[in-house]
Amino acid sequence: MNKLFGIALFLAGLMLAVGAGANFRYFEADRDMTVAIVSDDSELIDLTPVQPYVYLNNGKLTVEISSGHPEYPGYGDGLSTDSLYVFEEMFNVSNELWENAGQDYPICVTIKAQLPVKVFAGTYDSPIAGPDDTISFTVYHGQPVPVGMIFDNTGLDLGGHQIQLDISAVAGECE
């Protein structure tokens, strides 16, 4: 009888162990993660100046149309009031992600500008996105996309004006 009771208890324990193992729900582990924060000119989603008004300042993409431009001092004070300026190909956005080694791994880039500046991708006459204050476009490996800017100075006061561009990228093509 004790043998039968022992075998039954063993079988019940075995069934409980197998049944519990088939319904796995949770796992937790601590892991280290390393992310390198690098300058605009050496990251995998590369921002490259094209126009002379755009340069890298300590690795950070900078657009400066003023007499304070470090590479063009004394060549003009800025943009005129009550005017509209269109600059094509201010900078390029390229996709050099390491995933592209075996296939094309596209990224969706979104650029947000502050008024009175609008941005566009491609050319002004045939843009692939924009002009608008927020645009999105797909960048494929080996095919940099030029980004242009429109400055609408209508009604602006004389003096320096500063805006911020917010550039973000996510994996995959834009919708």
N, C-alpha and C. Protein backbone atom coordinates (compact mmCIF):
# COMPACT_ATOMS: atom_id res chain seq x y z
N MET A 1 0.81 -1.18 0.00
CA MET A 1 0.00 0.00 0.00
C MET A 1 0.87 1.27 0.00
N ASN A 2 1.94 1.23 0.80
CA ASN A 2 2.83 2.39 0.85
C ASN A 2 3.49 2.63 -0.49
N LYS A 3 3.80 1.52 -1.21
CA LYS A 3 4.40 1.65 -2.52
C LYS A 3 3.42 2.32 -3.47
N LEU A 4 2.17 1.90 -3.43
CA LEU A 4 1.14 2.49 -4.29
C LEU A 4 0.95 3.97 -3.97
N PHE A 5 0.91 4.28 -2.70
CA PHE A 5 0.77 5.67 -2.28
C PHE A 5 1.98 6.50 -2.74
N GLY A 6 3.18 5.95 -2.65
CA GLY A 6 4.40 6.63 -3.08
C GLY A 6 4.41 6.86 -4.60
N ILE A 7 4.00 5.84 -5.35
CA ILE A 7 3.95 5.97 -6.82
C ILE A 7 2.91 7.02 -7.21
N ALA A 8 1.75 7.02 -6.59
CA ALA A 8 0.69 7.99 -6.88
C ALA A 8 1.17 9.40 -6.56
N LEU A 9 1.85 9.56 -5.44
CA LEU A 9 2.38 10.87 -5.07
C LEU A 9 3.45 11.33 -6.06
N PHE A 10 4.31 10.41 -6.50
CA PHE A 10 5.33 10.73 -7.50
C PHE A 10 4.70 11.16 -8.82
N LEU A 11 3.68 10.43 -9.28
CA LEU A 11 2.99 10.77 -10.52
C LEU A 11 2.28 12.13 -10.42
N ALA A 12 1.67 12.39 -9.29
CA ALA A 12 0.99 13.68 -9.09
C ALA A 12 2.00 14.81 -9.13
N GLY A 13 3.13 14.62 -8.49
CA GLY A 13 4.19 15.64 -8.51
C GLY A 13 4.74 15.85 -9.91
N LEU A 14 4.93 14.76 -10.65
CA LEU A 14 5.43 14.84 -12.01
C LEU A 14 4.43 15.58 -12.91
N MET A 15 3.16 15.28 -12.78
CA MET A 15 2.12 15.95 -13.58
C MET A 15 2.06 17.45 -13.23
N LEU A 16 2.20 17.76 -11.96
CA LEU A 16 2.19 19.16 -11.53
C LEU A 16 3.40 19.90 -12.10
N ALA A 17 4.55 19.29 -12.09
CA ALA A 17 5.77 19.92 -12.62
C ALA A 17 5.68 20.13 -14.12
N VAL A 18 5.21 19.14 -14.85
CA VAL A 18 5.08 19.25 -16.31
C VAL A 18 4.00 20.26 -16.66
N GLY A 19 2.88 20.24 -15.96
CA GLY A 19 1.79 21.17 -16.24
C GLY A 19 2.19 22.62 -15.97
N ALA A 20 2.90 22.87 -14.91
CA ALA A 20 3.34 24.22 -14.57
C ALA A 20 4.39 24.71 -15.56
N GLY A 21 5.25 23.81 -16.02
CA GLY A 21 6.31 24.20 -16.95
C GLY A 21 5.77 24.55 -18.32
N ALA A 22 4.63 24.06 -18.71
CA ALA A 22 4.08 24.32 -20.04
C ALA A 22 3.40 25.68 -20.13
N ASN A 23 3.27 26.37 -19.01
CA ASN A 23 2.56 27.63 -19.01
C ASN A 23 3.47 28.74 -18.49
N PHE A 24 4.64 28.91 -19.13
CA PHE A 24 5.64 29.90 -18.70
C PHE A 24 5.10 31.31 -18.91
N ARG A 25 5.24 32.19 -17.90
CA ARG A 25 4.67 33.53 -18.00
C ARG A 25 5.65 34.66 -17.77
N TYR A 26 6.70 34.49 -17.06
CA TYR A 26 7.48 35.65 -16.64
C TYR A 26 8.94 35.27 -16.45
N PHE A 27 9.81 36.19 -16.84
CA PHE A 27 11.24 36.03 -16.61
C PHE A 27 11.81 37.42 -16.38
N GLU A 28 12.70 37.54 -15.42
CA GLU A 28 13.31 38.84 -15.13
C GLU A 28 14.81 38.65 -15.00
N ALA A 29 15.56 39.59 -15.61
CA ALA A 29 17.02 39.55 -15.52
C ALA A 29 17.56 40.96 -15.66
N ASP A 30 18.63 41.25 -14.95
CA ASP A 30 19.31 42.53 -15.07
C ASP A 30 20.44 42.39 -16.09
N ARG A 31 20.52 43.32 -17.05
CA ARG A 31 21.55 43.30 -18.07
C ARG A 31 22.13 44.69 -18.23
N ASP A 32 23.40 44.77 -18.57
CA ASP A 32 24.04 46.05 -18.87
C ASP A 32 23.74 46.44 -20.31
N MET A 33 23.65 47.75 -20.56
CA MET A 33 23.41 48.26 -21.89
C MET A 33 24.34 49.45 -22.11
N THR A 34 24.94 49.50 -23.29
CA THR A 34 25.85 50.59 -23.60
C THR A 34 25.35 51.32 -24.84
N VAL A 35 25.18 52.63 -24.74
CA VAL A 35 24.79 53.47 -25.86
C VAL A 35 25.80 54.59 -25.96
N ALA A 36 26.36 54.76 -27.16
CA ALA A 36 27.33 55.84 -27.37
C ALA A 36 26.60 57.06 -27.92
N ILE A 37 26.71 58.19 -27.25
CA ILE A 37 26.17 59.45 -27.72
C ILE A 37 27.31 60.15 -28.46
N VAL A 38 27.11 60.38 -29.76
CA VAL A 38 28.18 60.93 -30.60
C VAL A 38 27.70 62.20 -31.29
N SER A 39 28.63 62.88 -31.91
CA SER A 39 28.30 64.12 -32.62
C SER A 39 27.57 63.83 -33.92
N ASP A 40 26.90 64.86 -34.47
CA ASP A 40 26.10 64.71 -35.67
C ASP A 40 26.89 64.20 -36.86
N ASP A 41 28.18 64.48 -36.90
CA ASP A 41 28.97 64.10 -38.06
C ASP A 41 29.53 62.68 -37.98
N SER A 42 29.31 61.96 -36.88
CA SER A 42 29.84 60.61 -36.79
C SER A 42 28.80 59.59 -36.33
N GLU A 43 27.54 59.93 -36.37
CA GLU A 43 26.51 58.98 -35.97
C GLU A 43 26.07 58.15 -37.17
N LEU A 44 25.28 57.14 -36.92
CA LEU A 44 24.84 56.25 -37.99
C LEU A 44 23.73 56.87 -38.84
N ILE A 45 23.00 57.80 -38.29
CA ILE A 45 22.06 58.61 -39.05
C ILE A 45 22.74 59.96 -39.17
N ASP A 46 23.40 60.16 -40.28
CA ASP A 46 24.36 61.25 -40.44
C ASP A 46 23.70 62.52 -40.96
N LEU A 47 24.04 63.65 -40.36
CA LEU A 47 23.63 64.98 -40.81
C LEU A 47 24.87 65.67 -41.36
N THR A 48 24.88 65.94 -42.67
CA THR A 48 26.06 66.48 -43.33
C THR A 48 25.76 67.86 -43.91
N PRO A 49 26.50 68.90 -43.54
CA PRO A 49 26.30 70.23 -44.11
C PRO A 49 26.55 70.22 -45.62
N VAL A 50 25.74 70.98 -46.37
CA VAL A 50 25.92 71.11 -47.81
C VAL A 50 26.13 72.58 -48.17
N GLN A 51 25.28 73.48 -47.69
CA GLN A 51 25.40 74.91 -47.97
C GLN A 51 26.48 75.52 -47.08
N PRO A 52 27.08 76.63 -47.52
CA PRO A 52 28.09 77.27 -46.68
C PRO A 52 27.52 77.89 -45.41
N TYR A 53 26.19 78.03 -45.32
CA TYR A 53 25.55 78.60 -44.13
C TYR A 53 25.42 77.56 -43.02
N VAL A 54 25.74 76.32 -43.34
CA VAL A 54 25.59 75.22 -42.38
C VAL A 54 26.98 74.67 -42.09
N TYR A 55 27.25 74.45 -40.82
CA TYR A 55 28.56 73.92 -40.44
C TYR A 55 28.41 73.08 -39.18
N LEU A 56 29.46 72.35 -38.84
CA LEU A 56 29.48 71.56 -37.62
C LEU A 56 30.20 72.34 -36.54
N ASN A 57 29.52 72.57 -35.43
CA ASN A 57 30.06 73.31 -34.30
C ASN A 57 30.24 72.32 -33.15
N ASN A 58 31.47 71.88 -32.92
CA ASN A 58 31.75 70.83 -31.93
C ASN A 58 30.93 69.58 -32.22
N GLY A 59 30.80 69.24 -33.52
CA GLY A 59 30.08 68.06 -33.93
C GLY A 59 28.58 68.24 -34.03
N LYS A 60 28.06 69.41 -33.72
CA LYS A 60 26.62 69.67 -33.75
C LYS A 60 26.27 70.49 -34.99
N LEU A 61 25.27 70.02 -35.75
CA LEU A 61 24.85 70.72 -36.96
C LEU A 61 24.31 72.11 -36.60
N THR A 62 24.85 73.14 -37.24
CA THR A 62 24.47 74.52 -36.95
C THR A 62 24.17 75.25 -38.25
N VAL A 63 23.05 75.95 -38.31
CA VAL A 63 22.70 76.81 -39.43
C VAL A 63 22.87 78.24 -38.94
N GLU A 64 23.73 78.99 -39.60
CA GLU A 64 23.95 80.38 -39.17
C GLU A 64 24.07 81.28 -40.39
N ILE A 65 23.11 82.17 -40.50
CA ILE A 65 23.11 83.16 -41.59
C ILE A 65 23.23 84.52 -40.91
N SER A 66 24.47 84.87 -40.56
CA SER A 66 24.71 86.11 -39.84
C SER A 66 26.18 86.50 -40.00
N SER A 67 26.50 87.68 -39.51
CA SER A 67 27.90 88.11 -39.56
C SER A 67 28.76 87.34 -38.56
N GLY A 68 28.13 86.58 -37.68
CA GLY A 68 28.86 85.80 -36.68
C GLY A 68 29.30 84.43 -37.17
N HIS A 69 29.03 84.12 -38.43
CA HIS A 69 29.43 82.81 -38.97
C HIS A 69 30.95 82.71 -38.93
N PRO A 70 31.51 81.69 -38.29
CA PRO A 70 32.96 81.62 -38.11
C PRO A 70 33.76 81.46 -39.40
N GLU A 71 33.17 80.88 -40.44
CA GLU A 71 33.90 80.65 -41.67
C GLU A 71 33.71 81.76 -42.71
N TYR A 72 32.74 82.64 -42.48
CA TYR A 72 32.46 83.72 -43.45
C TYR A 72 32.26 85.06 -42.74
N PRO A 73 33.22 85.49 -41.94
CA PRO A 73 33.04 86.77 -41.24
C PRO A 73 33.09 87.94 -42.23
N GLY A 74 32.17 88.87 -42.03
CA GLY A 74 32.17 90.09 -42.85
C GLY A 74 31.51 89.95 -44.21
N TYR A 75 30.88 88.81 -44.49
CA TYR A 75 30.22 88.62 -45.79
C TYR A 75 28.71 88.78 -45.68
N GLY A 76 28.25 89.82 -45.05
CA GLY A 76 26.83 90.08 -44.90
C GLY A 76 26.39 89.95 -43.46
N ASP A 77 25.31 90.63 -43.14
CA ASP A 77 24.83 90.65 -41.77
C ASP A 77 23.68 89.68 -41.52
N GLY A 78 23.02 89.17 -42.57
CA GLY A 78 21.90 88.27 -42.37
C GLY A 78 20.89 88.38 -43.49
N LEU A 79 19.63 88.11 -43.17
CA LEU A 79 18.54 88.14 -44.15
C LEU A 79 17.76 89.44 -44.02
N SER A 80 17.16 89.86 -45.12
CA SER A 80 16.38 91.11 -45.13
C SER A 80 15.03 90.93 -44.46
N THR A 81 14.49 92.04 -43.96
CA THR A 81 13.14 92.02 -43.38
C THR A 81 12.12 91.93 -44.50
N ASP A 82 10.92 91.49 -44.15
CA ASP A 82 9.80 91.38 -45.08
C ASP A 82 10.22 90.72 -46.39
N SER A 83 10.88 89.58 -46.26
CA SER A 83 11.34 88.85 -47.43
C SER A 83 11.18 87.35 -47.20
N LEU A 84 11.26 86.60 -48.29
CA LEU A 84 11.14 85.15 -48.26
C LEU A 84 12.38 84.56 -48.92
N TYR A 85 13.09 83.70 -48.20
CA TYR A 85 14.30 83.06 -48.73
C TYR A 85 14.08 81.55 -48.79
N VAL A 86 14.44 80.95 -49.91
CA VAL A 86 14.38 79.50 -50.07
C VAL A 86 15.81 78.99 -50.30
N PHE A 87 16.27 78.13 -49.42
CA PHE A 87 17.60 77.52 -49.54
C PHE A 87 17.41 76.02 -49.75
N GLU A 88 17.79 75.53 -50.92
CA GLU A 88 17.75 74.10 -51.17
C GLU A 88 19.02 73.46 -50.62
N GLU A 89 18.92 72.20 -50.27
CA GLU A 89 20.07 71.39 -49.86
C GLU A 89 20.93 72.08 -48.79
N MET A 90 20.30 72.44 -47.70
CA MET A 90 21.06 73.00 -46.58
C MET A 90 21.94 71.92 -45.95
N PHE A 91 21.35 70.73 -45.75
CA PHE A 91 22.12 69.59 -45.23
C PHE A 91 21.51 68.30 -45.76
N ASN A 92 22.29 67.23 -45.70
CA ASN A 92 21.82 65.91 -46.11
C ASN A 92 21.60 65.04 -44.89
N VAL A 93 20.61 64.16 -44.99
CA VAL A 93 20.37 63.13 -43.98
C VAL A 93 20.68 61.80 -44.64
N SER A 94 21.61 61.03 -44.05
CA SER A 94 21.94 59.73 -44.63
C SER A 94 21.74 58.63 -43.60
N ASN A 95 21.64 57.41 -44.11
CA ASN A 95 21.34 56.24 -43.31
C ASN A 95 22.51 55.27 -43.43
N GLU A 96 23.34 55.24 -42.41
CA GLU A 96 24.51 54.36 -42.42
C GLU A 96 24.43 53.31 -41.32
N LEU A 97 23.21 52.85 -41.02
CA LEU A 97 23.03 51.86 -39.97
C LEU A 97 23.73 50.56 -40.32
N TRP A 98 24.29 49.89 -39.32
CA TRP A 98 25.03 48.66 -39.56
C TRP A 98 24.13 47.54 -40.07
N GLU A 99 22.81 47.62 -39.84
CA GLU A 99 21.90 46.59 -40.35
C GLU A 99 21.90 46.55 -41.87
N ASN A 100 22.37 47.62 -42.51
CA ASN A 100 22.36 47.69 -43.96
C ASN A 100 23.44 46.84 -44.62
N ALA A 101 24.27 46.16 -43.85
CA ALA A 101 25.35 45.36 -44.42
C ALA A 101 24.80 44.27 -45.34
N GLY A 102 23.69 43.66 -44.97
CA GLY A 102 23.15 42.58 -45.78
C GLY A 102 21.89 42.92 -46.54
N GLN A 103 21.25 44.03 -46.18
CA GLN A 103 20.00 44.41 -46.83
C GLN A 103 19.77 45.90 -46.62
N ASP A 104 18.76 46.43 -47.30
CA ASP A 104 18.43 47.84 -47.13
C ASP A 104 17.48 47.98 -45.95
N TYR A 105 17.89 48.72 -44.96
CA TYR A 105 17.13 48.91 -43.73
C TYR A 105 16.72 50.38 -43.67
N PRO A 106 15.52 50.73 -44.16
CA PRO A 106 15.13 52.15 -44.22
C PRO A 106 14.80 52.72 -42.85
N ILE A 107 14.89 54.04 -42.76
CA ILE A 107 14.49 54.75 -41.56
C ILE A 107 13.51 55.86 -41.94
N CYS A 108 12.63 56.19 -41.03
CA CYS A 108 11.68 57.28 -41.23
C CYS A 108 12.18 58.46 -40.39
N VAL A 109 12.52 59.56 -41.07
CA VAL A 109 13.04 60.75 -40.41
C VAL A 109 11.94 61.80 -40.33
N THR A 110 11.78 62.39 -39.17
CA THR A 110 10.83 63.49 -38.98
C THR A 110 11.61 64.72 -38.53
N ILE A 111 11.36 65.84 -39.20
CA ILE A 111 11.99 67.11 -38.83
C ILE A 111 10.89 68.10 -38.47
N LYS A 112 11.02 68.69 -37.29
CA LYS A 112 10.09 69.72 -36.84
C LYS A 112 10.85 71.03 -36.72
N ALA A 113 10.34 72.06 -37.37
CA ALA A 113 10.94 73.40 -37.30
C ALA A 113 9.98 74.34 -36.59
N GLN A 114 10.49 75.45 -36.15
CA GLN A 114 9.66 76.47 -35.52
C GLN A 114 9.43 77.58 -36.53
N LEU A 115 8.22 78.12 -36.54
CA LEU A 115 7.92 79.24 -37.42
C LEU A 115 8.79 80.42 -37.03
N PRO A 116 9.28 81.18 -37.96
CA PRO A 116 8.88 81.35 -39.34
C PRO A 116 9.65 80.50 -40.34
N VAL A 117 10.24 79.39 -39.90
CA VAL A 117 11.00 78.52 -40.80
C VAL A 117 10.17 77.29 -41.15
N LYS A 118 10.22 76.94 -42.43
CA LYS A 118 9.64 75.69 -42.90
C LYS A 118 10.76 74.87 -43.52
N VAL A 119 10.58 73.55 -43.53
CA VAL A 119 11.59 72.66 -44.10
C VAL A 119 10.95 71.82 -45.20
N PHE A 120 11.79 71.33 -46.10
CA PHE A 120 11.33 70.41 -47.15
C PHE A 120 12.46 69.44 -47.48
N ALA A 121 12.08 68.26 -47.94
CA ALA A 121 13.06 67.25 -48.35
C ALA A 121 13.01 67.14 -49.87
N GLY A 122 14.18 66.97 -50.48
CA GLY A 122 14.26 66.95 -51.93
C GLY A 122 14.51 68.37 -52.43
N THR A 123 13.96 68.69 -53.61
CA THR A 123 14.12 70.03 -54.14
C THR A 123 12.85 70.83 -53.91
N TYR A 124 12.96 72.15 -54.00
CA TYR A 124 11.81 73.01 -53.76
C TYR A 124 10.74 72.80 -54.84
N ASP A 125 11.18 72.63 -56.10
CA ASP A 125 10.23 72.44 -57.20
C ASP A 125 9.62 71.04 -57.22
N SER A 126 10.28 70.06 -56.63
CA SER A 126 9.79 68.69 -56.62
C SER A 126 10.12 68.04 -55.27
N PRO A 127 9.49 68.51 -54.20
CA PRO A 127 9.82 67.97 -52.88
C PRO A 127 9.25 66.56 -52.67
N ILE A 128 9.97 65.76 -51.88
CA ILE A 128 9.42 64.47 -51.49
C ILE A 128 8.64 64.60 -50.17
N ALA A 129 8.84 65.72 -49.47
CA ALA A 129 8.08 66.05 -48.27
C ALA A 129 8.13 67.55 -48.05
N GLY A 130 7.01 68.12 -47.62
CA GLY A 130 6.97 69.55 -47.32
C GLY A 130 6.69 70.38 -48.55
N PRO A 131 6.89 71.67 -48.47
CA PRO A 131 7.38 72.41 -47.31
C PRO A 131 6.31 72.57 -46.23
N ASP A 132 6.78 72.44 -45.00
CA ASP A 132 5.90 72.57 -43.84
C ASP A 132 6.78 72.73 -42.60
N ASP A 133 6.14 72.99 -41.45
CA ASP A 133 6.94 73.09 -40.23
C ASP A 133 7.28 71.71 -39.66
N THR A 134 6.55 70.66 -40.09
CA THR A 134 6.86 69.28 -39.72
C THR A 134 6.77 68.40 -40.96
N ILE A 135 7.86 67.68 -41.26
CA ILE A 135 7.87 66.78 -42.41
C ILE A 135 8.41 65.42 -41.99
N SER A 136 8.04 64.38 -42.73
CA SER A 136 8.58 63.04 -42.55
C SER A 136 8.93 62.47 -43.92
N PHE A 137 10.04 61.74 -43.98
CA PHE A 137 10.47 61.13 -45.24
C PHE A 137 11.32 59.90 -44.93
N THR A 138 11.38 58.99 -45.89
CA THR A 138 12.14 57.75 -45.73
C THR A 138 13.53 57.92 -46.31
N VAL A 139 14.53 57.43 -45.57
CA VAL A 139 15.92 57.47 -46.02
C VAL A 139 16.41 56.03 -46.14
N TYR A 140 16.88 55.69 -47.34
CA TYR A 140 17.43 54.36 -47.59
C TYR A 140 18.95 54.43 -47.52
N HIS A 141 19.55 53.29 -47.26
CA HIS A 141 21.01 53.20 -47.18
C HIS A 141 21.64 53.63 -48.50
N GLY A 142 22.66 54.49 -48.40
CA GLY A 142 23.39 54.92 -49.60
C GLY A 142 22.67 55.95 -50.44
N GLN A 143 21.53 56.46 -49.98
CA GLN A 143 20.76 57.45 -50.73
C GLN A 143 20.43 58.64 -49.83
N PRO A 144 21.41 59.52 -49.59
CA PRO A 144 21.14 60.67 -48.72
C PRO A 144 20.02 61.55 -49.26
N VAL A 145 19.26 62.12 -48.36
CA VAL A 145 18.14 62.99 -48.73
C VAL A 145 18.50 64.43 -48.36
N PRO A 146 18.48 65.34 -49.35
CA PRO A 146 18.77 66.74 -49.03
C PRO A 146 17.58 67.41 -48.36
N VAL A 147 17.87 68.28 -47.41
CA VAL A 147 16.83 69.02 -46.69
C VAL A 147 17.06 70.51 -46.93
N GLY A 148 16.01 71.19 -47.38
CA GLY A 148 16.06 72.62 -47.61
C GLY A 148 15.24 73.36 -46.57
N MET A 149 15.44 74.68 -46.54
CA MET A 149 14.75 75.50 -45.55
C MET A 149 14.18 76.76 -46.21
N ILE A 150 13.04 77.19 -45.71
CA ILE A 150 12.39 78.42 -46.16
C ILE A 150 12.31 79.36 -44.97
N PHE A 151 12.84 80.55 -45.14
CA PHE A 151 12.80 81.58 -44.09
C PHE A 151 11.82 82.65 -44.53
N ASP A 152 10.70 82.80 -43.82
CA ASP A 152 9.71 83.83 -44.11
C ASP A 152 9.86 84.93 -43.07
N ASN A 153 10.49 86.01 -43.48
CA ASN A 153 10.80 87.11 -42.56
C ASN A 153 9.74 88.20 -42.56
N THR A 154 8.59 87.92 -43.11
CA THR A 154 7.52 88.90 -43.17
C THR A 154 7.08 89.32 -41.76
N GLY A 155 7.19 90.61 -41.49
CA GLY A 155 6.75 91.15 -40.21
C GLY A 155 7.71 90.94 -39.06
N LEU A 156 8.87 90.36 -39.29
CA LEU A 156 9.83 90.16 -38.19
C LEU A 156 10.62 91.43 -37.92
N ASP A 157 10.94 91.64 -36.67
CA ASP A 157 11.76 92.78 -36.28
C ASP A 157 13.21 92.54 -36.64
N LEU A 158 13.97 93.63 -36.77
CA LEU A 158 15.40 93.52 -37.00
C LEU A 158 16.06 92.88 -35.78
N GLY A 159 17.18 92.23 -36.00
CA GLY A 159 17.91 91.61 -34.90
C GLY A 159 18.02 90.11 -35.09
N GLY A 160 18.65 89.47 -34.16
CA GLY A 160 18.88 88.03 -34.24
C GLY A 160 17.65 87.23 -33.86
N HIS A 161 17.40 86.18 -34.59
CA HIS A 161 16.30 85.26 -34.30
C HIS A 161 16.87 83.86 -34.27
N GLN A 162 16.44 83.08 -33.30
CA GLN A 162 16.98 81.74 -33.14
C GLN A 162 15.83 80.74 -33.09
N ILE A 163 15.96 79.64 -33.81
CA ILE A 163 14.97 78.57 -33.77
C ILE A 163 15.68 77.25 -33.50
N GLN A 164 14.90 76.25 -33.19
CA GLN A 164 15.43 74.91 -32.94
C GLN A 164 14.80 73.95 -33.93
N LEU A 165 15.60 73.06 -34.53
CA LEU A 165 15.10 71.96 -35.34
C LEU A 165 15.12 70.70 -34.49
N ASP A 166 14.02 69.96 -34.52
CA ASP A 166 13.95 68.68 -33.82
C ASP A 166 13.98 67.59 -34.89
N ILE A 167 15.03 66.78 -34.90
CA ILE A 167 15.19 65.74 -35.91
C ILE A 167 15.17 64.39 -35.20
N SER A 168 14.25 63.52 -35.62
CA SER A 168 14.15 62.19 -35.02
C SER A 168 14.04 61.14 -36.12
N ALA A 169 14.40 59.91 -35.79
CA ALA A 169 14.34 58.81 -36.75
C ALA A 169 13.86 57.55 -36.05
N VAL A 170 13.05 56.78 -36.78
CA VAL A 170 12.58 55.48 -36.29
C VAL A 170 12.80 54.45 -37.39
N ALA A 171 12.86 53.20 -37.00
CA ALA A 171 13.09 52.12 -37.96
C ALA A 171 11.90 51.95 -38.89
N GLY A 172 12.19 51.68 -40.15
CA GLY A 172 11.15 51.39 -41.14
C GLY A 172 10.80 52.59 -42.00
N GLU A 173 10.02 52.32 -43.04
CA GLU A 173 9.58 53.37 -43.95
C GLU A 173 8.49 54.22 -43.30
N CYS A 174 8.40 55.47 -43.73
CA CYS A 174 7.33 56.35 -43.25
C CYS A 174 6.00 55.88 -43.84
N GLU A 175 4.96 56.10 -43.10
CA GLU A 175 3.62 55.74 -43.60
C GLU A 175 3.02 56.85 -44.40
